[in-house]
Amino acid sequence: MDLIDQNKPCPCGSGKLFVACHGVAGSWPPAQNRDLYSVLTERYMELVARTHPTVGGWPVATGCNLVQARYGAALIVHLVHTGHRGMHTASQMTELNRDQVGVEVVTTRNRTSVAARMEVLFRPHPKDMILVFENAVDPGGNYNIPWTLLDTQLQEALVKHEHVMGLRPMKIFLSHKGADKPRIRNYHDTLKLLGFDSWLDEDAMTAGTNLQRGILQGMADSCAAVFFVTPNYVDDNFLATEIDYAIEEKRKKGDLFAIITLVLESEKRKGAVPELLRRYV
């Protein structure tokens, strides 16, 4: 269900049907009675209702305040969860600077890194939502946000909120050398007590499963990968593959995937951290 009937006149005043003007394939215009807060929250409420129709108390959908900022043509929105739908506040537009945003111009390629900086700047609660739209504000201050971009970011926010609501399994991939398995199983058991579903090869893969495909699927199903670097850990063969897969998942999922490297001692010796993992120690 869309916010505006696709077969009714577009609210931009063009005289065209909405589907042929600013419909799902187009952008949301600065239309009468369609303020930014209403468009964002109603669109998200519709997504939540379709995906989790029986779950109540959903973050942002049950009430939030709007904080907005601008950097050139980019629009940054922080929806602050309140849980009170009956009333809300909307801040005045704030101008951000180069030091805060970290780039000269917000683009499709750097939007994820900009969003990460906004997480640091705004310090949102897990129930909040940060949205970053490039080329969304024209010189007159009017909004031009593509539906596809909006829906993509709302879907990403939905996944984060599913974690907050306990609806999405928190699986963690445990990368280790076979010789360290007894030691790693202790971590596996502890994580299980904390509510995490750990991916351990001997438990996760059934007999006959192709090892490389099993590793790839295990990484795709996880929200984090932990690399246990001991003196036995050598960056070769399937361990090297696991590192590559983890970095690729981090690139695709951004903040939804974490890479953690633990350096463990054995007989007073430490493992050598592979170069690609050094930034995650």
C-alpha atoms as a PDB file:
ATOM      1  CA  MET A   1       0.000   0.000   0.000  1.00  0.00           C
ATOM      2  CA  ASP A   2       1.420   3.364  -1.039  1.00  0.00           C
ATOM      3  CA  LEU A   3       0.995   6.648   0.770  1.00  0.00           C
ATOM      4  CA  ILE A   4      -0.868   8.146  -2.195  1.00  0.00           C
ATOM      5  CA  ASP A   5      -3.277   6.273  -4.502  1.00  0.00           C
ATOM      6  CA  GLN A   6      -1.302   5.513  -7.660  1.00  0.00           C
ATOM      7  CA  ASN A   7      -4.328   6.203  -9.867  1.00  0.00           C
ATOM      8  CA  LYS A   8      -5.200   9.606  -8.406  1.00  0.00           C
ATOM      9  CA  PRO A   9      -3.787  12.952  -9.538  1.00  0.00           C
ATOM     10  CA  CYS A  10      -0.253  13.598  -8.351  1.00  0.00           C
ATOM     11  CA  PRO A  11      -0.204  16.118  -5.469  1.00  0.00           C
ATOM     12  CA  CYS A  12       2.590  18.051  -7.191  1.00  0.00           C
ATOM     13  CA  GLY A  13      -0.106  19.723  -9.366  1.00  0.00           C
ATOM     14  CA  SER A  14       1.162  18.461 -12.717  1.00  0.00           C
ATOM     15  CA  GLY A  15      -2.253  17.145 -13.711  1.00  0.00           C
ATOM     16  CA  LYS A  16      -0.794  13.664 -14.290  1.00  0.00           C
ATOM     17  CA  LEU A  17      -1.721  10.526 -12.397  1.00  0.00           C
ATOM     18  CA  PHE A  18       0.557   9.870  -9.451  1.00  0.00           C
ATOM     19  CA  VAL A  19       1.784   6.581 -10.995  1.00  0.00           C
ATOM     20  CA  ALA A  20       2.930   8.464 -14.112  1.00  0.00           C
ATOM     21  CA  CYS A  21       4.507  11.368 -12.238  1.00  0.00           C
ATOM     22  CA  HIS A  22       5.971  10.992  -8.738  1.00  0.00           C
ATOM     23  CA  GLY A  23       4.878   7.399  -8.125  1.00  0.00           C
ATOM     24  CA  VAL A  24       6.903   4.569  -6.612  1.00  0.00           C
ATOM     25  CA  ALA A  25       9.425   4.758  -9.425  1.00  0.00           C
ATOM     26  CA  GLY A  26       9.800   8.512  -8.994  1.00  0.00           C
ATOM     27  CA  SER A  27      10.323  10.794  -6.007  1.00  0.00           C
ATOM     28  CA  TRP A  28       8.299  12.261  -3.215  1.00  0.00           C
ATOM     29  CA  PRO A  29       7.719  15.956  -4.064  1.00  0.00           C
ATOM     30  CA  PRO A  30       7.166  18.805  -1.601  1.00  0.00           C
ATOM     31  CA  ALA A  31       3.416  18.157  -1.849  1.00  0.00           C
ATOM     32  CA  GLN A  32       0.637  19.842   0.053  1.00  0.00           C
ATOM     33  CA  ASN A  33      -0.067  18.187   3.425  1.00  0.00           C
ATOM     34  CA  ARG A  34       2.796  15.741   2.950  1.00  0.00           C
ATOM     35  CA  ASP A  35       5.419  16.989   5.394  1.00  0.00           C
ATOM     36  CA  LEU A  36       8.672  15.088   5.799  1.00  0.00           C
ATOM     37  CA  TYR A  37       7.748  13.637   9.187  1.00  0.00           C
ATOM     38  CA  SER A  38       4.464  12.202   7.901  1.00  0.00           C
ATOM     39  CA  VAL A  39       5.989  10.674   4.794  1.00  0.00           C
ATOM     40  CA  LEU A  40       8.838   8.958   6.675  1.00  0.00           C
ATOM     41  CA  THR A  41       6.812   7.658   9.590  1.00  0.00           C
ATOM     42  CA  GLU A  42       3.760   6.558   7.594  1.00  0.00           C
ATOM     43  CA  ARG A  43       5.914   4.807   5.027  1.00  0.00           C
ATOM     44  CA  TYR A  44       7.741   2.995   7.817  1.00  0.00           C
ATOM     45  CA  MET A  45       4.514   2.104   9.633  1.00  0.00           C
ATOM     46  CA  GLU A  46       3.215   0.533   6.420  1.00  0.00           C
ATOM     47  CA  LEU A  47       6.420  -1.507   6.053  1.00  0.00           C
ATOM     48  CA  VAL A  48       6.205  -2.698   9.661  1.00  0.00           C
ATOM     49  CA  ALA A  49       2.509  -3.559   9.293  1.00  0.00           C
ATOM     50  CA  ARG A  50       3.207  -5.661   6.197  1.00  0.00           C
ATOM     51  CA  THR A  51       6.227  -7.425   7.684  1.00  0.00           C
ATOM     52  CA  HIS A  52       5.177  -7.887  11.325  1.00  0.00           C
ATOM     53  CA  PRO A  53       1.394  -7.386  11.484  1.00  0.00           C
ATOM     54  CA  THR A  54       1.015  -8.975  14.924  1.00  0.00           C
ATOM     55  CA  VAL A  55       3.939  -7.298  16.709  1.00  0.00           C
ATOM     56  CA  GLY A  56       3.215  -4.201  18.794  1.00  0.00           C
ATOM     57  CA  GLY A  57       5.418  -1.520  20.319  1.00  0.00           C
ATOM     58  CA  TRP A  58       7.603  -1.160  17.236  1.00  0.00           C
ATOM     59  CA  PRO A  59      10.423   1.443  17.413  1.00  0.00           C
ATOM     60  CA  VAL A  60       9.757   4.755  15.603  1.00  0.00           C
ATOM     61  CA  ALA A  61       6.428   3.454  14.228  1.00  0.00           C
ATOM     62  CA  THR A  62       4.833   3.953  17.643  1.00  0.00           C
ATOM     63  CA  GLY A  63       6.017   7.551  17.891  1.00  0.00           C
ATOM     64  CA  CYS A  64       9.148   9.602  17.362  1.00  0.00           C
ATOM     65  CA  ASN A  65      10.597  13.090  17.052  1.00  0.00           C
ATOM     66  CA  LEU A  66      12.289  14.433  13.942  1.00  0.00           C
ATOM     67  CA  VAL A  67      15.792  15.902  13.898  1.00  0.00           C
ATOM     68  CA  GLN A  68      16.973  17.037  10.475  1.00  0.00           C
ATOM     69  CA  ALA A  69      20.252  18.352   9.131  1.00  0.00           C
ATOM     70  CA  ARG A  70      21.577  19.421   5.755  1.00  0.00           C
ATOM     71  CA  TYR A  71      24.960  19.225   4.094  1.00  0.00           C
ATOM     72  CA  GLY A  72      24.898  20.753   0.647  1.00  0.00           C
ATOM     73  CA  ALA A  73      22.172  18.896  -1.239  1.00  0.00           C
ATOM     74  CA  ALA A  74      22.228  15.987   1.220  1.00  0.00           C
ATOM     75  CA  LEU A  75      19.566  15.498   3.870  1.00  0.00           C
ATOM     76  CA  ILE A  76      20.292  13.688   7.142  1.00  0.00           C
ATOM     77  CA  VAL A  77      17.368  12.619   9.312  1.00  0.00           C
ATOM     78  CA  HIS A  78      17.417  11.314  12.874  1.00  0.00           C
ATOM     79  CA  LEU A  79      14.096   9.831  13.982  1.00  0.00           C
ATOM     80  CA  VAL A  80      14.213   9.700  17.778  1.00  0.00           C
ATOM     81  CA  HIS A  81      11.968   6.985  19.172  1.00  0.00           C
ATOM     82  CA  THR A  82       9.552   8.164  21.883  1.00  0.00           C
ATOM     83  CA  GLY A  83       6.747   5.589  21.847  1.00  0.00           C
ATOM     84  CA  HIS A  84       4.168   8.402  21.891  1.00  0.00           C
ATOM     85  CA  ARG A  85       2.365   8.649  18.570  1.00  0.00           C
ATOM     86  CA  GLY A  86      -0.059  11.384  19.614  1.00  0.00           C
ATOM     87  CA  MET A  87       2.515  14.181  19.614  1.00  0.00           C
ATOM     88  CA  HIS A  88       5.926  14.859  18.136  1.00  0.00           C
ATOM     89  CA  THR A  89       8.469  17.618  17.648  1.00  0.00           C
ATOM     90  CA  ALA A  90      10.427  18.519  14.526  1.00  0.00           C
ATOM     91  CA  SER A  91      13.679  20.449  14.743  1.00  0.00           C
ATOM     92  CA  GLN A  92      14.709  23.298  12.511  1.00  0.00           C
ATOM     93  CA  MET A  93      17.118  22.412   9.715  1.00  0.00           C
ATOM     94  CA  THR A  94      20.723  22.305  10.973  1.00  0.00           C
ATOM     95  CA  GLU A  95      23.687  22.898   8.663  1.00  0.00           C
ATOM     96  CA  LEU A  96      26.508  20.383   9.041  1.00  0.00           C
ATOM     97  CA  ASN A  97      30.142  21.041   8.131  1.00  0.00           C
ATOM     98  CA  ARG A  98      32.897  19.117   6.359  1.00  0.00           C
ATOM     99  CA  ASP A  99      34.535  17.958   9.588  1.00  0.00           C
ATOM    100  CA  GLN A 100      31.268  16.442  10.816  1.00  0.00           C
ATOM    101  CA  VAL A 101      30.338  14.682   7.563  1.00  0.00           C
ATOM    102  CA  GLY A 102      33.838  13.640   6.505  1.00  0.00           C
ATOM    103  CA  VAL A 103      33.400  14.064   2.735  1.00  0.00           C
ATOM    104  CA  GLU A 104      33.125  16.956   0.291  1.00  0.00           C
ATOM    105  CA  VAL A 105      29.885  15.684  -1.245  1.00  0.00           C
ATOM    106  CA  VAL A 106      27.538  12.908  -0.119  1.00  0.00           C
ATOM    107  CA  THR A 107      27.119  10.354  -2.902  1.00  0.00           C
ATOM    108  CA  THR A 108      25.706   6.866  -3.380  1.00  0.00           C
ATOM    109  CA  ARG A 109      29.203   5.411  -2.948  1.00  0.00           C
ATOM    110  CA  ASN A 110      29.974   7.094   0.385  1.00  0.00           C
ATOM    111  CA  ARG A 111      26.483   7.205   1.888  1.00  0.00           C
ATOM    112  CA  THR A 112      27.176   4.237   4.184  1.00  0.00           C
ATOM    113  CA  SER A 113      30.332   5.799   5.625  1.00  0.00           C
ATOM    114  CA  VAL A 114      28.508   9.113   6.110  1.00  0.00           C
ATOM    115  CA  ALA A 115      25.711   7.295   7.932  1.00  0.00           C
ATOM    116  CA  ALA A 116      28.323   5.724  10.222  1.00  0.00           C
ATOM    117  CA  ARG A 117      29.686   9.189  11.073  1.00  0.00           C
ATOM    118  CA  MET A 118      26.144  10.380  11.792  1.00  0.00           C
ATOM    119  CA  GLU A 119      25.767   7.489  14.249  1.00  0.00           C
ATOM    120  CA  VAL A 120      28.725   8.945  16.142  1.00  0.00           C
ATOM    121  CA  LEU A 121      27.495  12.537  15.841  1.00  0.00           C
ATOM    122  CA  PHE A 122      23.861  11.959  16.885  1.00  0.00           C
ATOM    123  CA  ARG A 123      24.508   9.033  19.262  1.00  0.00           C
ATOM    124  CA  PRO A 124      21.158   7.363  18.500  1.00  0.00           C
ATOM    125  CA  HIS A 125      19.464   4.827  20.753  1.00  0.00           C
ATOM    126  CA  PRO A 126      19.114   1.358  19.145  1.00  0.00           C
ATOM    127  CA  LYS A 127      15.390   2.113  18.703  1.00  0.00           C
ATOM    128  CA  ASP A 128      16.117   5.307  16.736  1.00  0.00           C
ATOM    129  CA  MET A 129      16.703   5.614  12.994  1.00  0.00           C
ATOM    130  CA  ILE A 130      19.325   7.496  10.966  1.00  0.00           C
ATOM    131  CA  LEU A 131      18.603   8.173   7.272  1.00  0.00           C
ATOM    132  CA  VAL A 132      20.978   9.779   4.764  1.00  0.00           C
ATOM    133  CA  PHE A 133      19.702  11.005   1.379  1.00  0.00           C
ATOM    134  CA  GLU A 134      22.099  12.398  -1.216  1.00  0.00           C
ATOM    135  CA  ASN A 135      20.840  15.077  -3.666  1.00  0.00           C
ATOM    136  CA  ALA A 136      17.595  15.315  -1.682  1.00  0.00           C
ATOM    137  CA  VAL A 137      17.329  19.079  -1.160  1.00  0.00           C
ATOM    138  CA  ASP A 138      17.160  21.595  -4.004  1.00  0.00           C
ATOM    139  CA  PRO A 139      18.466  25.208  -3.738  1.00  0.00           C
ATOM    140  CA  GLY A 140      14.978  26.343  -2.682  1.00  0.00           C
ATOM    141  CA  GLY A 141      14.940  23.946   0.252  1.00  0.00           C
ATOM    142  CA  ASN A 142      12.421  21.569  -1.318  1.00  0.00           C
ATOM    143  CA  TYR A 143      12.766  17.816  -0.872  1.00  0.00           C
ATOM    144  CA  ASN A 144      13.254  15.355  -3.729  1.00  0.00           C
ATOM    145  CA  ILE A 145      13.686  11.873  -2.242  1.00  0.00           C
ATOM    146  CA  PRO A 146      13.426   8.854  -4.572  1.00  0.00           C
ATOM    147  CA  TRP A 147      11.005   6.232  -3.273  1.00  0.00           C
ATOM    148  CA  THR A 148      13.532   3.507  -4.046  1.00  0.00           C
ATOM    149  CA  LEU A 149      16.205   5.159  -1.877  1.00  0.00           C
ATOM    150  CA  LEU A 150      13.737   5.794   0.933  1.00  0.00           C
ATOM    151  CA  ASP A 151      12.413   2.240   0.891  1.00  0.00           C
ATOM    152  CA  THR A 152      15.922   0.761   0.827  1.00  0.00           C
ATOM    153  CA  GLN A 153      16.950   2.665   3.945  1.00  0.00           C
ATOM    154  CA  LEU A 154      13.678   1.921   5.732  1.00  0.00           C
ATOM    155  CA  GLN A 155      14.221  -1.774   5.018  1.00  0.00           C
ATOM    156  CA  GLU A 156      17.730  -1.536   6.517  1.00  0.00           C
ATOM    157  CA  ALA A 157      16.270   0.187   9.573  1.00  0.00           C
ATOM    158  CA  LEU A 158      13.640  -2.544   9.859  1.00  0.00           C
ATOM    159  CA  VAL A 159      16.382  -5.195  10.062  1.00  0.00           C
ATOM    160  CA  LYS A 160      18.116  -3.278  12.862  1.00  0.00           C
ATOM    161  CA  HIS A 161      14.832  -2.955  14.735  1.00  0.00           C
ATOM    162  CA  GLU A 162      14.166  -6.683  14.277  1.00  0.00           C
ATOM    163  CA  HIS A 163      17.383  -7.273  16.235  1.00  0.00           C
ATOM    164  CA  VAL A 164      16.216  -4.823  18.928  1.00  0.00           C
ATOM    165  CA  MET A 165      12.832  -6.569  19.145  1.00  0.00           C
ATOM    166  CA  GLY A 166      14.455 -10.001  19.389  1.00  0.00           C
ATOM    167  CA  LEU A 167      12.885 -11.188  16.137  1.00  0.00           C
ATOM    168  CA  ARG A 168      16.058 -11.825  14.165  1.00  0.00           C
ATOM    169  CA  PRO A 169      18.480 -14.538  15.292  1.00  0.00           C
ATOM    170  CA  MET A 170      21.846 -13.165  16.340  1.00  0.00           C
ATOM    171  CA  LYS A 171      24.191 -15.674  14.717  1.00  0.00           C
ATOM    172  CA  ILE A 172      27.948 -15.235  15.120  1.00  0.00           C
ATOM    173  CA  PHE A 173      30.475 -16.954  12.854  1.00  0.00           C
ATOM    174  CA  LEU A 174      33.411 -18.406  14.804  1.00  0.00           C
ATOM    175  CA  SER A 175      36.563 -18.638  12.670  1.00  0.00           C
ATOM    176  CA  HIS A 176      39.339 -20.757  14.119  1.00  0.00           C
ATOM    177  CA  LYS A 177      41.947 -23.404  13.453  1.00  0.00           C
ATOM    178  CA  GLY A 178      40.801 -26.993  13.983  1.00  0.00           C
ATOM    179  CA  ALA A 179      43.476 -27.553  16.631  1.00  0.00           C
ATOM    180  CA  ASP A 180      41.826 -24.842  18.765  1.00  0.00           C
ATOM    181  CA  LYS A 181      38.308 -26.269  18.585  1.00  0.00           C
ATOM    182  CA  PRO A 182      38.074 -27.431  22.241  1.00  0.00           C
ATOM    183  CA  ARG A 183      39.002 -23.924  23.359  1.00  0.00           C
ATOM    184  CA  ILE A 184      36.602 -22.264  20.923  1.00  0.00           C
ATOM    185  CA  ARG A 185      33.735 -24.495  22.018  1.00  0.00           C
ATOM    186  CA  ASN A 186      33.903 -22.814  25.431  1.00  0.00           C
ATOM    187  CA  TYR A 187      33.231 -19.470  23.718  1.00  0.00           C
ATOM    188  CA  HIS A 188      30.450 -21.117  21.695  1.00  0.00           C
ATOM    189  CA  ASP A 189      28.758 -22.376  24.868  1.00  0.00           C
ATOM    190  CA  THR A 190      29.070 -18.977  26.579  1.00  0.00           C
ATOM    191  CA  LEU A 191      27.570 -17.148  23.602  1.00  0.00           C
ATOM    192  CA  LYS A 192      24.681 -19.602  23.578  1.00  0.00           C
ATOM    193  CA  LEU A 193      23.927 -18.785  27.223  1.00  0.00           C
ATOM    194  CA  LEU A 194      23.847 -15.094  26.243  1.00  0.00           C
ATOM    195  CA  GLY A 195      21.268 -15.766  23.527  1.00  0.00           C
ATOM    196  CA  PHE A 196      23.553 -15.885  20.483  1.00  0.00           C
ATOM    197  CA  ASP A 197      23.439 -18.647  17.883  1.00  0.00           C
ATOM    198  CA  SER A 198      27.094 -19.352  17.102  1.00  0.00           C
ATOM    199  CA  TRP A 199      28.194 -20.816  13.757  1.00  0.00           C
ATOM    200  CA  LEU A 200      30.647 -23.619  14.449  1.00  0.00           C
ATOM    201  CA  ASP A 201      31.496 -25.767  11.451  1.00  0.00           C
ATOM    202  CA  GLU A 202      31.012 -29.166  13.089  1.00  0.00           C
ATOM    203  CA  ASP A 203      27.529 -28.148  14.302  1.00  0.00           C
ATOM    204  CA  ALA A 204      26.365 -25.975  11.413  1.00  0.00           C
ATOM    205  CA  MET A 205      27.223 -28.162   8.418  1.00  0.00           C
ATOM    206  CA  THR A 206      25.606 -31.509   7.770  1.00  0.00           C
ATOM    207  CA  ALA A 207      27.534 -34.417   6.282  1.00  0.00           C
ATOM    208  CA  GLY A 208      28.212 -33.956   2.582  1.00  0.00           C
ATOM    209  CA  THR A 209      27.974 -30.150   2.642  1.00  0.00           C
ATOM    210  CA  ASN A 210      30.520 -28.441   0.398  1.00  0.00           C
ATOM    211  CA  LEU A 211      32.864 -26.700   2.847  1.00  0.00           C
ATOM    212  CA  GLN A 212      33.292 -23.494   0.856  1.00  0.00           C
ATOM    213  CA  ARG A 213      29.561 -23.142   0.236  1.00  0.00           C
ATOM    214  CA  GLY A 214      28.864 -23.911   3.868  1.00  0.00           C
ATOM    215  CA  ILE A 215      31.255 -21.186   5.002  1.00  0.00           C
ATOM    216  CA  LEU A 216      29.733 -18.688   2.577  1.00  0.00           C
ATOM    217  CA  GLN A 217      26.200 -19.445   3.788  1.00  0.00           C
ATOM    218  CA  GLY A 218      27.263 -19.341   7.418  1.00  0.00           C
ATOM    219  CA  MET A 219      28.821 -15.917   6.938  1.00  0.00           C
ATOM    220  CA  ALA A 220      25.740 -14.621   5.088  1.00  0.00           C
ATOM    221  CA  ASP A 221      23.469 -15.778   7.928  1.00  0.00           C
ATOM    222  CA  SER A 222      25.566 -14.083  10.619  1.00  0.00           C
ATOM    223  CA  CYS A 223      25.593 -10.613  12.106  1.00  0.00           C
ATOM    224  CA  ALA A 224      29.257 -10.888  13.129  1.00  0.00           C
ATOM    225  CA  ALA A 225      32.414 -12.914  12.582  1.00  0.00           C
ATOM    226  CA  VAL A 226      34.897 -13.545  15.373  1.00  0.00           C
ATOM    227  CA  PHE A 227      38.421 -14.588  14.390  1.00  0.00           C
ATOM    228  CA  PHE A 228      40.325 -16.452  17.099  1.00  0.00           C
ATOM    229  CA  VAL A 229      43.994 -15.817  16.349  1.00  0.00           C
ATOM    230  CA  THR A 230      46.247 -18.249  18.189  1.00  0.00           C
ATOM    231  CA  PRO A 231      49.742 -19.504  17.319  1.00  0.00           C
ATOM    232  CA  ASN A 232      47.928 -22.199  15.304  1.00  0.00           C
ATOM    233  CA  TYR A 233      46.077 -19.624  13.185  1.00  0.00           C
ATOM    234  CA  VAL A 234      47.609 -19.294   9.713  1.00  0.00           C
ATOM    235  CA  ASP A 235      46.167 -17.070   6.974  1.00  0.00           C
ATOM    236  CA  ASP A 236      45.853 -19.747   4.290  1.00  0.00           C
ATOM    237  CA  ASN A 237      43.329 -22.039   2.590  1.00  0.00           C
ATOM    238  CA  PHE A 238      39.862 -21.857   4.161  1.00  0.00           C
ATOM    239  CA  LEU A 239      40.937 -19.420   6.881  1.00  0.00           C
ATOM    240  CA  ALA A 240      41.929 -16.959   4.168  1.00  0.00           C
ATOM    241  CA  THR A 241      38.567 -17.587   2.489  1.00  0.00           C
ATOM    242  CA  GLU A 242      36.737 -16.837   5.738  1.00  0.00           C
ATOM    243  CA  ILE A 243      38.556 -13.514   6.061  1.00  0.00           C
ATOM    244  CA  ASP A 244      37.630 -12.573   2.494  1.00  0.00           C
ATOM    245  CA  TYR A 245      33.983 -13.542   3.030  1.00  0.00           C
ATOM    246  CA  ALA A 246      33.786 -11.587   6.290  1.00  0.00           C
ATOM    247  CA  ILE A 247      35.182  -8.419   4.707  1.00  0.00           C
ATOM    248  CA  GLU A 248      32.699  -8.777   1.846  1.00  0.00           C
ATOM    249  CA  GLU A 249      29.797  -9.151   4.305  1.00  0.00           C
ATOM    250  CA  LYS A 250      31.006  -6.041   6.137  1.00  0.00           C
ATOM    251  CA  ARG A 251      31.059  -4.129   2.859  1.00  0.00           C
ATOM    252  CA  LYS A 252      27.507  -5.233   2.015  1.00  0.00           C
ATOM    253  CA  LYS A 253      25.886  -4.979   5.443  1.00  0.00           C
ATOM    254  CA  GLY A 254      27.793  -2.058   6.977  1.00  0.00           C
ATOM    255  CA  ASP A 255      26.781  -1.568  10.613  1.00  0.00           C
ATOM    256  CA  LEU A 256      24.670  -4.734  10.464  1.00  0.00           C
ATOM    257  CA  PHE A 257      27.833  -6.882  10.445  1.00  0.00           C
ATOM    258  CA  ALA A 258      30.811  -6.756  12.800  1.00  0.00           C
ATOM    259  CA  ILE A 259      34.291  -8.221  12.483  1.00  0.00           C
ATOM    260  CA  ILE A 260      36.063  -8.971  15.753  1.00  0.00           C
ATOM    261  CA  THR A 261      39.602 -10.306  16.081  1.00  0.00           C
ATOM    262  CA  LEU A 262      40.665 -11.909  19.363  1.00  0.00           C
ATOM    263  CA  VAL A 263      44.382 -12.583  19.855  1.00  0.00           C
ATOM    264  CA  LEU A 264      44.807 -15.511  22.245  1.00  0.00           C
ATOM    265  CA  GLU A 265      47.943 -16.817  23.896  1.00  0.00           C
ATOM    266  CA  SER A 266      49.056 -20.430  23.965  1.00  0.00           C
ATOM    267  CA  GLU A 267      52.085 -21.433  26.022  1.00  0.00           C
ATOM    268  CA  LYS A 268      52.993 -17.748  26.363  1.00  0.00           C
ATOM    269  CA  ARG A 269      52.968 -17.285  22.589  1.00  0.00           C
ATOM    270  CA  LYS A 270      50.556 -15.091  20.651  1.00  0.00           C
ATOM    271  CA  GLY A 271      49.199 -15.655  17.188  1.00  0.00           C
ATOM    272  CA  ALA A 272      50.179 -13.470  14.238  1.00  0.00           C
ATOM    273  CA  VAL A 273      47.238 -11.333  13.114  1.00  0.00           C
ATOM    274  CA  PRO A 274      46.698 -11.435   9.321  1.00  0.00           C
ATOM    275  CA  GLU A 275      47.133  -8.032   7.724  1.00  0.00           C
ATOM    276  CA  LEU A 276      43.492  -7.771   6.624  1.00  0.00           C
ATOM    277  CA  LEU A 277      42.305  -8.305  10.200  1.00  0.00           C
ATOM    278  CA  ARG A 278      44.622  -5.846  11.970  1.00  0.00           C
ATOM    279  CA  ARG A 279      42.121  -2.999  11.848  1.00  0.00           C
ATOM    280  CA  TYR A 280      39.561  -5.209  13.632  1.00  0.00           C
ATOM    281  CA  VAL A 281      41.725  -6.222  16.621  1.00  0.00           C
END
